[in-house]
């Protein structure tokens, strides 16, 4: 099995059959695949520092874990929901 390490190694295909034959014996390197993932534009969000009681943060983290969520994402969701409630 041939590993593709650079995008330039992938030829232009004349047909789907030709492409299928190529990929039957080739695969993308994991680093190449990871590098192609869409990255969030850092201008779309702002980092905020918030001081919080350690016990409260521990409770939030436990609750988030029980819901299989990232605690920061859960806090953002709560804030968003509250803003919607305040604006209505």
PDB file of N, CA and C in Angstrom:
ATOM      1  N   UNK A   1       0.847  -1.178   0.000  1.00  0.00           N
ATOM      2  CA  UNK A   1       0.000   0.000   0.000  1.00  0.00           C
ATOM      3  C   UNK A   1       0.891   1.238   0.000  1.00  0.00           C
ATOM      4  N   UNK A   2       0.647   2.123  -0.897  1.00  0.00           N
ATOM      5  CA  UNK A   2       1.423   3.363  -1.035  1.00  0.00           C
ATOM      6  C   UNK A   2       0.792   4.450  -0.163  1.00  0.00           C
ATOM      7  N   UNK A   3       1.612   5.187   0.580  1.00  0.00           N
ATOM      8  CA  UNK A   3       1.134   6.273   1.425  1.00  0.00           C
ATOM      9  C   UNK A   3       1.392   7.609   0.743  1.00  0.00           C
ATOM     10  N   UNK A   4       0.356   8.404   0.626  1.00  0.00           N
ATOM     11  CA  UNK A   4       0.454   9.725   0.005  1.00  0.00           C
ATOM     12  C   UNK A   4       0.816  10.726   1.097  1.00  0.00           C
ATOM     13  N   UNK A   5       1.981  11.370   0.944  1.00  0.00           N
ATOM     14  CA  UNK A   5       2.457  12.322   1.947  1.00  0.00           C
ATOM     15  C   UNK A   5       2.281  13.780   1.532  1.00  0.00           C
ATOM     16  N   UNK A   6       2.035  14.021   0.237  1.00  0.00           N
ATOM     17  CA  UNK A   6       1.873  15.382  -0.278  1.00  0.00           C
ATOM     18  C   UNK A   6       0.704  15.391  -1.256  1.00  0.00           C
ATOM     19  N   UNK A   7      -0.066  16.469  -1.249  1.00  0.00           N
ATOM     20  CA  UNK A   7      -1.206  16.566  -2.153  1.00  0.00           C
ATOM     21  C   UNK A   7      -0.781  16.471  -3.613  1.00  0.00           C
ATOM     22  N   UNK A   8       0.440  16.914  -3.918  1.00  0.00           N
ATOM     23  CA  UNK A   8       0.915  16.894  -5.303  1.00  0.00           C
ATOM     24  C   UNK A   8       1.098  15.464  -5.828  1.00  0.00           C
ATOM     25  N   UNK A   9       1.140  14.482  -4.941  1.00  0.00           N
ATOM     26  CA  UNK A   9       1.299  13.089  -5.369  1.00  0.00           C
ATOM     27  C   UNK A   9       0.007  12.503  -5.941  1.00  0.00           C
ATOM     28  N   UNK A  10      -1.093  13.214  -5.769  1.00  0.00           N
ATOM     29  CA  UNK A  10      -2.377  12.716  -6.278  1.00  0.00           C
ATOM     30  C   UNK A  10      -2.566  13.258  -7.693  1.00  0.00           C
ATOM     31  N   UNK A  11      -2.663  12.361  -8.685  1.00  0.00           N
ATOM     32  CA  UNK A  11      -2.793  12.821 -10.079  1.00  0.00           C
ATOM     33  C   UNK A  11      -4.220  13.275 -10.392  1.00  0.00           C
ATOM     34  N   UNK A  12      -4.367  13.902 -11.528  1.00  0.00           N
ATOM     35  CA  UNK A  12      -5.702  14.214 -12.045  1.00  0.00           C
ATOM     36  C   UNK A  12      -6.219  12.945 -12.713  1.00  0.00           C
ATOM     37  N   UNK A  13      -7.467  12.635 -12.453  1.00  0.00           N
ATOM     38  CA  UNK A  13      -8.037  11.394 -12.982  1.00  0.00           C
ATOM     39  C   UNK A  13      -8.943  11.687 -14.160  1.00  0.00           C
ATOM     40  N   UNK A  14      -8.872  10.820 -15.142  1.00  0.00           N
ATOM     41  CA  UNK A  14      -9.712  10.947 -16.336  1.00  0.00           C
ATOM     42  C   UNK A  14     -11.100  10.355 -16.098  1.00  0.00           C
ATOM     43  N   UNK A  15     -11.185   9.412 -15.163  1.00  0.00           N
ATOM     44  CA  UNK A  15     -12.475   8.764 -14.910  1.00  0.00           C
ATOM     45  C   UNK A  15     -12.541   8.294 -13.451  1.00  0.00           C
ATOM     46  N   UNK A  16     -13.728   7.954 -13.021  1.00  0.00           N
ATOM     47  CA  UNK A  16     -13.906   7.425 -11.672  1.00  0.00           C
ATOM     48  C   UNK A  16     -13.229   6.062 -11.527  1.00  0.00           C
ATOM     49  N   UNK A  17     -13.215   5.290 -12.597  1.00  0.00           N
ATOM     50  CA  UNK A  17     -12.567   3.987 -12.569  1.00  0.00           C
ATOM     51  C   UNK A  17     -11.064   4.145 -12.328  1.00  0.00           C
ATOM     52  N   UNK A  18     -10.460   5.120 -13.011  1.00  0.00           N
ATOM     53  CA  UNK A  18      -9.036   5.380 -12.828  1.00  0.00           C
ATOM     54  C   UNK A  18      -8.762   5.816 -11.389  1.00  0.00           C
ATOM     55  N   UNK A  19      -9.625   6.648 -10.849  1.00  0.00           N
ATOM     56  CA  UNK A  19      -9.465   7.097  -9.471  1.00  0.00           C
ATOM     57  C   UNK A  19      -9.618   5.926  -8.497  1.00  0.00           C
ATOM     58  N   UNK A  20     -10.591   5.055  -8.754  1.00  0.00           N
ATOM     59  CA  UNK A  20     -10.803   3.885  -7.901  1.00  0.00           C
ATOM     60  C   UNK A  20      -9.585   2.970  -7.904  1.00  0.00           C
ATOM     61  N   UNK A  21      -8.976   2.763  -9.075  1.00  0.00           N
ATOM     62  CA  UNK A  21      -7.769   1.932  -9.162  1.00  0.00           C
ATOM     63  C   UNK A  21      -6.628   2.553  -8.356  1.00  0.00           C
ATOM     64  N   UNK A  22      -6.487   3.884  -8.464  1.00  0.00           N
ATOM     65  CA  UNK A  22      -5.427   4.572  -7.730  1.00  0.00           C
ATOM     66  C   UNK A  22      -5.608   4.388  -6.218  1.00  0.00           C
ATOM     67  N   UNK A  23      -6.832   4.638  -5.719  1.00  0.00           N
ATOM     68  CA  UNK A  23      -7.067   4.570  -4.272  1.00  0.00           C
ATOM     69  C   UNK A  23      -7.136   3.139  -3.734  1.00  0.00           C
ATOM     70  N   UNK A  24      -7.263   2.166  -4.624  1.00  0.00           N
ATOM     71  CA  UNK A  24      -7.239   0.770  -4.178  1.00  0.00           C
ATOM     72  C   UNK A  24      -5.862   0.408  -3.644  1.00  0.00           C
ATOM     73  N   UNK A  25      -4.833   1.133  -4.105  1.00  0.00           N
ATOM     74  CA  UNK A  25      -3.460   0.830  -3.699  1.00  0.00           C
ATOM     75  C   UNK A  25      -2.782   2.023  -3.013  1.00  0.00           C
ATOM     76  N   UNK A  26      -3.561   3.033  -2.613  1.00  0.00           N
ATOM     77  CA  UNK A  26      -2.976   4.222  -1.986  1.00  0.00           C
ATOM     78  C   UNK A  26      -3.847   4.681  -0.828  1.00  0.00           C
ATOM     79  N   UNK A  27      -3.199   5.360   0.111  1.00  0.00           N
ATOM     80  CA  UNK A  27      -3.943   5.945   1.229  1.00  0.00           C
ATOM     81  C   UNK A  27      -3.250   7.237   1.640  1.00  0.00           C
ATOM     82  N   UNK A  28      -4.031   8.146   2.252  1.00  0.00           N
ATOM     83  CA  UNK A  28      -3.467   9.408   2.719  1.00  0.00           C
ATOM     84  C   UNK A  28      -2.762   9.217   4.049  1.00  0.00           C
ATOM     85  N   UNK A  29      -1.632   9.874   4.213  1.00  0.00           N
ATOM     86  CA  UNK A  29      -0.928   9.896   5.491  1.00  0.00           C
ATOM     87  C   UNK A  29      -1.806  10.626   6.510  1.00  0.00           C
ATOM     88  N   UNK A  30      -1.821  10.151   7.741  1.00  0.00           N
ATOM     89  CA  UNK A  30      -2.663  10.733   8.794  1.00  0.00           C
ATOM     90  C   UNK A  30      -2.351  12.219   8.975  1.00  0.00           C
ATOM     91  N   UNK A  31      -1.078  12.585   8.928  1.00  0.00           N
ATOM     92  CA  UNK A  31      -0.710  13.998   9.106  1.00  0.00           C
ATOM     93  C   UNK A  31      -1.289  14.858   7.994  1.00  0.00           C
ATOM     94  N   UNK A  32      -1.345  14.321   6.781  1.00  0.00           N
ATOM     95  CA  UNK A  32      -1.917  15.061   5.667  1.00  0.00           C
ATOM     96  C   UNK A  32      -3.418  15.246   5.880  1.00  0.00           C
ATOM     97  N   UNK A  33      -4.080  14.198   6.346  1.00  0.00           N
ATOM     98  CA  UNK A  33      -5.516  14.300   6.609  1.00  0.00           C
ATOM     99  C   UNK A  33      -5.794  15.296   7.728  1.00  0.00           C
ATOM    100  N   UNK A  34      -5.029  15.222   8.825  1.00  0.00           N
ATOM    101  CA  UNK A  34      -5.235  16.137   9.945  1.00  0.00           C
ATOM    102  C   UNK A  34      -4.974  17.578   9.543  1.00  0.00           C
ATOM    103  N   UNK A  35      -4.011  17.794   8.684  1.00  0.00           N
ATOM    104  CA  UNK A  35      -3.702  19.138   8.221  1.00  0.00           C
ATOM    105  C   UNK A  35      -4.772  19.722   7.328  1.00  0.00           C
ATOM    106  N   UNK A  36      -5.627  18.880   6.786  1.00  0.00           N
ATOM    107  CA  UNK A  36      -6.664  19.365   5.883  1.00  0.00           C
ATOM    108  C   UNK A  36      -7.958  19.711   6.607  1.00  0.00           C
ATOM    109  N   UNK A  37      -8.032  19.424   7.904  1.00  0.00           N
ATOM    110  CA  UNK A  37      -9.245  19.734   8.651  1.00  0.00           C
ATOM    111  C   UNK A  37      -9.443  21.234   8.730  1.00  0.00           C
ATOM    112  N   UNK A  38     -10.700  21.646   8.652  1.00  0.00           N
ATOM    113  CA  UNK A  38     -11.029  23.063   8.721  1.00  0.00           C
ATOM    114  C   UNK A  38     -10.749  23.581  10.126  1.00  0.00           C
ATOM    115  N   UNK A  39      -9.943  24.601  10.200  1.00  0.00           N
ATOM    116  CA  UNK A  39      -9.617  25.214  11.479  1.00  0.00           C
ATOM    117  C   UNK A  39     -10.526  26.425  11.674  1.00  0.00           C
ATOM    118  N   UNK A  40     -10.999  26.620  12.890  1.00  0.00           N
ATOM    119  CA  UNK A  40     -11.843  27.766  13.193  1.00  0.00           C
ATOM    120  C   UNK A  40     -11.001  29.029  13.139  1.00  0.00           C
ATOM    121  N   UNK A  41     -11.511  30.025  12.493  1.00  0.00           N
ATOM    122  CA  UNK A  41     -10.831  31.312  12.428  1.00  0.00           C
ATOM    123  C   UNK A  41     -10.828  31.923  13.826  1.00  0.00           C
ATOM    124  N   UNK A  42      -9.647  32.253  14.332  1.00  0.00           N
ATOM    125  CA  UNK A  42      -9.538  32.757  15.697  1.00  0.00           C
ATOM    126  C   UNK A  42     -10.285  34.074  15.874  1.00  0.00           C
ATOM    127  N   UNK A  43     -10.588  34.767  14.790  1.00  0.00           N
ATOM    128  CA  UNK A  43     -11.344  36.014  14.900  1.00  0.00           C
ATOM    129  C   UNK A  43     -12.812  35.760  15.188  1.00  0.00           C
ATOM    130  N   UNK A  44     -13.258  34.511  15.072  1.00  0.00           N
ATOM    131  CA  UNK A  44     -14.658  34.191  15.312  1.00  0.00           C
ATOM    132  C   UNK A  44     -14.972  34.084  16.796  1.00  0.00           C
ATOM    133  N   UNK A  45     -13.965  34.000  17.645  1.00  0.00           N
ATOM    134  CA  UNK A  45     -14.210  33.923  19.076  1.00  0.00           C
ATOM    135  C   UNK A  45     -13.110  34.672  19.820  1.00  0.00           C
ATOM    136  N   UNK A  46     -13.427  35.045  21.040  1.00  0.00           N
ATOM    137  CA  UNK A  46     -12.502  35.786  21.878  1.00  0.00           C
ATOM    138  C   UNK A  46     -12.287  35.011  23.166  1.00  0.00           C
ATOM    139  N   UNK A  47     -11.054  34.932  23.609  1.00  0.00           N
ATOM    140  CA  UNK A  47     -10.743  34.261  24.867  1.00  0.00           C
ATOM    141  C   UNK A  47     -11.111  35.181  26.021  1.00  0.00           C
ATOM    142  N   UNK A  48     -11.782  34.603  27.013  1.00  0.00           N
ATOM    143  CA  UNK A  48     -12.205  35.350  28.190  1.00  0.00           C
ATOM    144  C   UNK A  48     -11.663  34.646  29.423  1.00  0.00           C
ATOM    145  N   UNK A  49     -11.134  35.405  30.362  1.00  0.00           N
ATOM    146  CA  UNK A  49     -10.676  34.843  31.632  1.00  0.00           C
ATOM    147  C   UNK A  49     -11.742  35.125  32.669  1.00  0.00           C
ATOM    148  N   UNK A  50     -12.128  34.100  33.393  1.00  0.00           N
ATOM    149  CA  UNK A  50     -13.188  34.216  34.386  1.00  0.00           C
ATOM    150  C   UNK A  50     -12.734  33.540  35.665  1.00  0.00           C
ATOM    151  N   UNK A  51     -12.704  34.280  36.759  1.00  0.00           N
ATOM    152  CA  UNK A  51     -12.347  33.689  38.049  1.00  0.00           C
ATOM    153  C   UNK A  51     -13.587  33.038  38.634  1.00  0.00           C
ATOM    154  N   UNK A  52     -13.402  31.827  39.142  1.00  0.00           N
ATOM    155  CA  UNK A  52     -14.538  31.054  39.633  1.00  0.00           C
ATOM    156  C   UNK A  52     -14.124  30.268  40.866  1.00  0.00           C
ATOM    157  N   UNK A  53     -15.048  30.106  41.778  1.00  0.00           N
ATOM    158  CA  UNK A  53     -14.800  29.295  42.961  1.00  0.00           C
ATOM    159  C   UNK A  53     -14.444  27.874  42.511  1.00  0.00           C
ATOM    160  N   UNK A  54     -13.357  27.306  43.019  1.00  0.00           N
ATOM    161  CA  UNK A  54     -12.928  25.970  42.575  1.00  0.00           C
ATOM    162  C   UNK A  54     -13.993  24.892  42.780  1.00  0.00           C
ATOM    163  N   UNK A  55     -14.756  25.006  43.850  1.00  0.00           N
ATOM    164  CA  UNK A  55     -15.811  23.994  44.079  1.00  0.00           C
ATOM    165  C   UNK A  55     -16.907  24.098  43.035  1.00  0.00           C
ATOM    166  N   UNK A  56     -17.252  25.339  42.667  1.00  0.00           N
ATOM    167  CA  UNK A  56     -18.271  25.518  41.631  1.00  0.00           C
ATOM    168  C   UNK A  56     -17.777  24.961  40.306  1.00  0.00           C
ATOM    169  N   UNK A  57     -16.522  25.248  39.962  1.00  0.00           N
ATOM    170  CA  UNK A  57     -15.954  24.739  38.718  1.00  0.00           C
ATOM    171  C   UNK A  57     -15.927  23.211  38.720  1.00  0.00           C
ATOM    172  N   UNK A  58     -15.581  22.614  39.843  1.00  0.00           N
ATOM    173  CA  UNK A  58     -15.562  21.154  39.939  1.00  0.00           C
ATOM    174  C   UNK A  58     -16.963  20.584  39.706  1.00  0.00           C
ATOM    175  N   UNK A  59     -17.972  21.235  40.252  1.00  0.00           N
ATOM    176  CA  UNK A  59     -19.363  20.772  40.052  1.00  0.00           C
ATOM    177  C   UNK A  59     -19.758  20.885  38.582  1.00  0.00           C
ATOM    178  N   UNK A  60     -19.367  21.998  37.951  1.00  0.00           N
ATOM    179  CA  UNK A  60     -19.684  22.192  36.533  1.00  0.00           C
ATOM    180  C   UNK A  60     -18.997  21.121  35.689  1.00  0.00           C
ATOM    181  N   UNK A  61     -17.735  20.841  35.985  1.00  0.00           N
ATOM    182  CA  UNK A  61     -17.001  19.822  35.229  1.00  0.00           C
ATOM    183  C   UNK A  61     -17.630  18.448  35.401  1.00  0.00           C
ATOM    184  N   UNK A  62     -18.041  18.108  36.634  1.00  0.00           N
ATOM    185  CA  UNK A  62     -18.701  16.810  36.860  1.00  0.00           C
ATOM    186  C   UNK A  62     -19.996  16.716  36.068  1.00  0.00           C
ATOM    187  N   UNK A  63     -20.772  17.791  36.091  1.00  0.00           N
ATOM    188  CA  UNK A  63     -22.038  17.806  35.362  1.00  0.00           C
ATOM    189  C   UNK A  63     -21.788  17.661  33.859  1.00  0.00           C
ATOM    190  N   UNK A  64     -20.811  18.382  33.349  1.00  0.00           N
ATOM    191  CA  UNK A  64     -20.487  18.294  31.921  1.00  0.00           C
ATOM    192  C   UNK A  64     -20.043  16.880  31.557  1.00  0.00           C
ATOM    193  N   UNK A  65     -19.185  16.280  32.394  1.00  0.00           N
ATOM    194  CA  UNK A  65     -18.728  14.905  32.128  1.00  0.00           C
ATOM    195  C   UNK A  65     -19.901  13.938  32.088  1.00  0.00           C
ATOM    196  N   UNK A  66     -20.844  14.118  32.992  1.00  0.00           N
ATOM    197  CA  UNK A  66     -22.001  13.204  33.035  1.00  0.00           C
ATOM    198  C   UNK A  66     -22.850  13.339  31.773  1.00  0.00           C
ATOM    199  N   UNK A  67     -22.750  14.483  31.115  1.00  0.00           N
ATOM    200  CA  UNK A  67     -23.491  14.719  29.862  1.00  0.00           C
ATOM    201  C   UNK A  67     -22.614  14.514  28.629  1.00  0.00           C
ATOM    202  N   UNK A  68     -21.385  14.034  28.842  1.00  0.00           N
ATOM    203  CA  UNK A  68     -20.418  13.802  27.761  1.00  0.00           C
ATOM    204  C   UNK A  68     -20.152  15.085  26.973  1.00  0.00           C
ATOM    205  N   UNK A  69     -20.021  16.201  27.696  1.00  0.00           N
ATOM    206  CA  UNK A  69     -19.750  17.491  27.083  1.00  0.00           C
ATOM    207  C   UNK A  69     -18.437  18.056  27.607  1.00  0.00           C
ATOM    208  N   UNK A  70     -17.858  18.951  26.856  1.00  0.00           N
ATOM    209  CA  UNK A  70     -16.735  19.745  27.320  1.00  0.00           C
ATOM    210  C   UNK A  70     -17.323  20.826  28.225  1.00  0.00           C
ATOM    211  N   UNK A  71     -16.752  21.041  29.416  1.00  0.00           N
ATOM    212  CA  UNK A  71     -17.360  21.978  30.360  1.00  0.00           C
ATOM    213  C   UNK A  71     -17.394  23.400  29.812  1.00  0.00           C
ATOM    214  N   UNK A  72     -16.397  23.794  29.033  1.00  0.00           N
ATOM    215  CA  UNK A  72     -16.399  25.141  28.466  1.00  0.00           C
ATOM    216  C   UNK A  72     -17.524  25.299  27.445  1.00  0.00           C
ATOM    217  N   UNK A  73     -17.749  24.281  26.647  1.00  0.00           N
ATOM    218  CA  UNK A  73     -18.844  24.323  25.680  1.00  0.00           C
ATOM    219  C   UNK A  73     -20.182  24.383  26.389  1.00  0.00           C
ATOM    220  N   UNK A  74     -20.304  23.651  27.489  1.00  0.00           N
ATOM    221  CA  UNK A  74     -21.554  23.665  28.243  1.00  0.00           C
ATOM    222  C   UNK A  74     -21.814  25.049  28.829  1.00  0.00           C
ATOM    223  N   UNK A  75     -20.782  25.696  29.355  1.00  0.00           N
ATOM    224  CA  UNK A  75     -20.939  27.046  29.899  1.00  0.00           C
ATOM    225  C   UNK A  75     -21.367  28.007  28.792  1.00  0.00           C
ATOM    226  N   UNK A  76     -20.755  27.899  27.599  1.00  0.00           N
ATOM    227  CA  UNK A  76     -21.148  28.763  26.483  1.00  0.00           C
ATOM    228  C   UNK A  76     -22.599  28.520  26.089  1.00  0.00           C
ATOM    229  N   UNK A  77     -23.016  27.263  26.127  1.00  0.00           N
ATOM    230  CA  UNK A  77     -24.401  26.930  25.799  1.00  0.00           C
ATOM    231  C   UNK A  77     -25.337  27.558  26.818  1.00  0.00           C
ATOM    232  N   UNK A  78     -25.007  27.456  28.102  1.00  0.00           N
ATOM    233  CA  UNK A  78     -25.829  28.065  29.155  1.00  0.00           C
ATOM    234  C   UNK A  78     -25.942  29.569  28.961  1.00  0.00           C
ATOM    235  N   UNK A  79     -24.806  30.222  28.673  1.00  0.00           N
ATOM    236  CA  UNK A  79     -24.824  31.670  28.469  1.00  0.00           C
ATOM    237  C   UNK A  79     -25.689  32.049  27.268  1.00  0.00           C
ATOM    238  N   UNK A  80     -25.574  31.298  26.204  1.00  0.00           N
ATOM    239  CA  UNK A  80     -26.365  31.554  25.013  1.00  0.00           C
ATOM    240  C   UNK A  80     -27.856  31.408  25.307  1.00  0.00           C
ATOM    241  N   UNK A  81     -28.224  30.341  26.014  1.00  0.00           N
ATOM    242  CA  UNK A  81     -29.622  30.120  26.367  1.00  0.00           C
ATOM    243  C   UNK A  81     -30.157  31.257  27.239  1.00  0.00           C
ATOM    244  N   UNK A  82     -29.341  31.698  28.194  1.00  0.00           N
ATOM    245  CA  UNK A  82     -29.760  32.770  29.087  1.00  0.00           C
ATOM    246  C   UNK A  82     -29.928  34.095  28.328  1.00  0.00           C
ATOM    247  N   UNK A  83     -29.006  34.365  27.395  1.00  0.00           N
ATOM    248  CA  UNK A  83     -29.136  35.581  26.595  1.00  0.00           C
ATOM    249  C   UNK A  83     -30.424  35.576  25.781  1.00  0.00           C
ATOM    250  N   UNK A  84     -30.757  34.427  25.206  1.00  0.00           N
ATOM    251  CA  UNK A  84     -32.011  34.315  24.456  1.00  0.00           C
ATOM    252  C   UNK A  84     -33.212  34.579  25.362  1.00  0.00           C
ATOM    253  N   UNK A  85     -33.145  34.049  26.559  1.00  0.00           N
ATOM    254  CA  UNK A  85     -34.241  34.236  27.523  1.00  0.00           C
ATOM    255  C   UNK A  85     -34.362  35.708  27.928  1.00  0.00           C
ATOM    256  N   UNK A  86     -33.237  36.357  28.149  1.00  0.00           N
ATOM    257  CA  UNK A  86     -33.227  37.771  28.540  1.00  0.00           C
ATOM    258  C   UNK A  86     -33.754  38.663  27.417  1.00  0.00           C
ATOM    259  N   UNK A  87     -33.478  38.294  26.167  1.00  0.00           N
ATOM    260  CA  UNK A  87     -33.880  39.119  25.033  1.00  0.00           C
ATOM    261  C   UNK A  87     -35.331  38.908  24.632  1.00  0.00           C
ATOM    262  N   UNK A  88     -35.989  37.901  25.181  1.00  0.00           N
ATOM    263  CA  UNK A  88     -37.385  37.661  24.762  1.00  0.00           C
ATOM    264  C   UNK A  88     -38.375  38.262  25.715  1.00  0.00           C
TER     265      UNK A  88
END
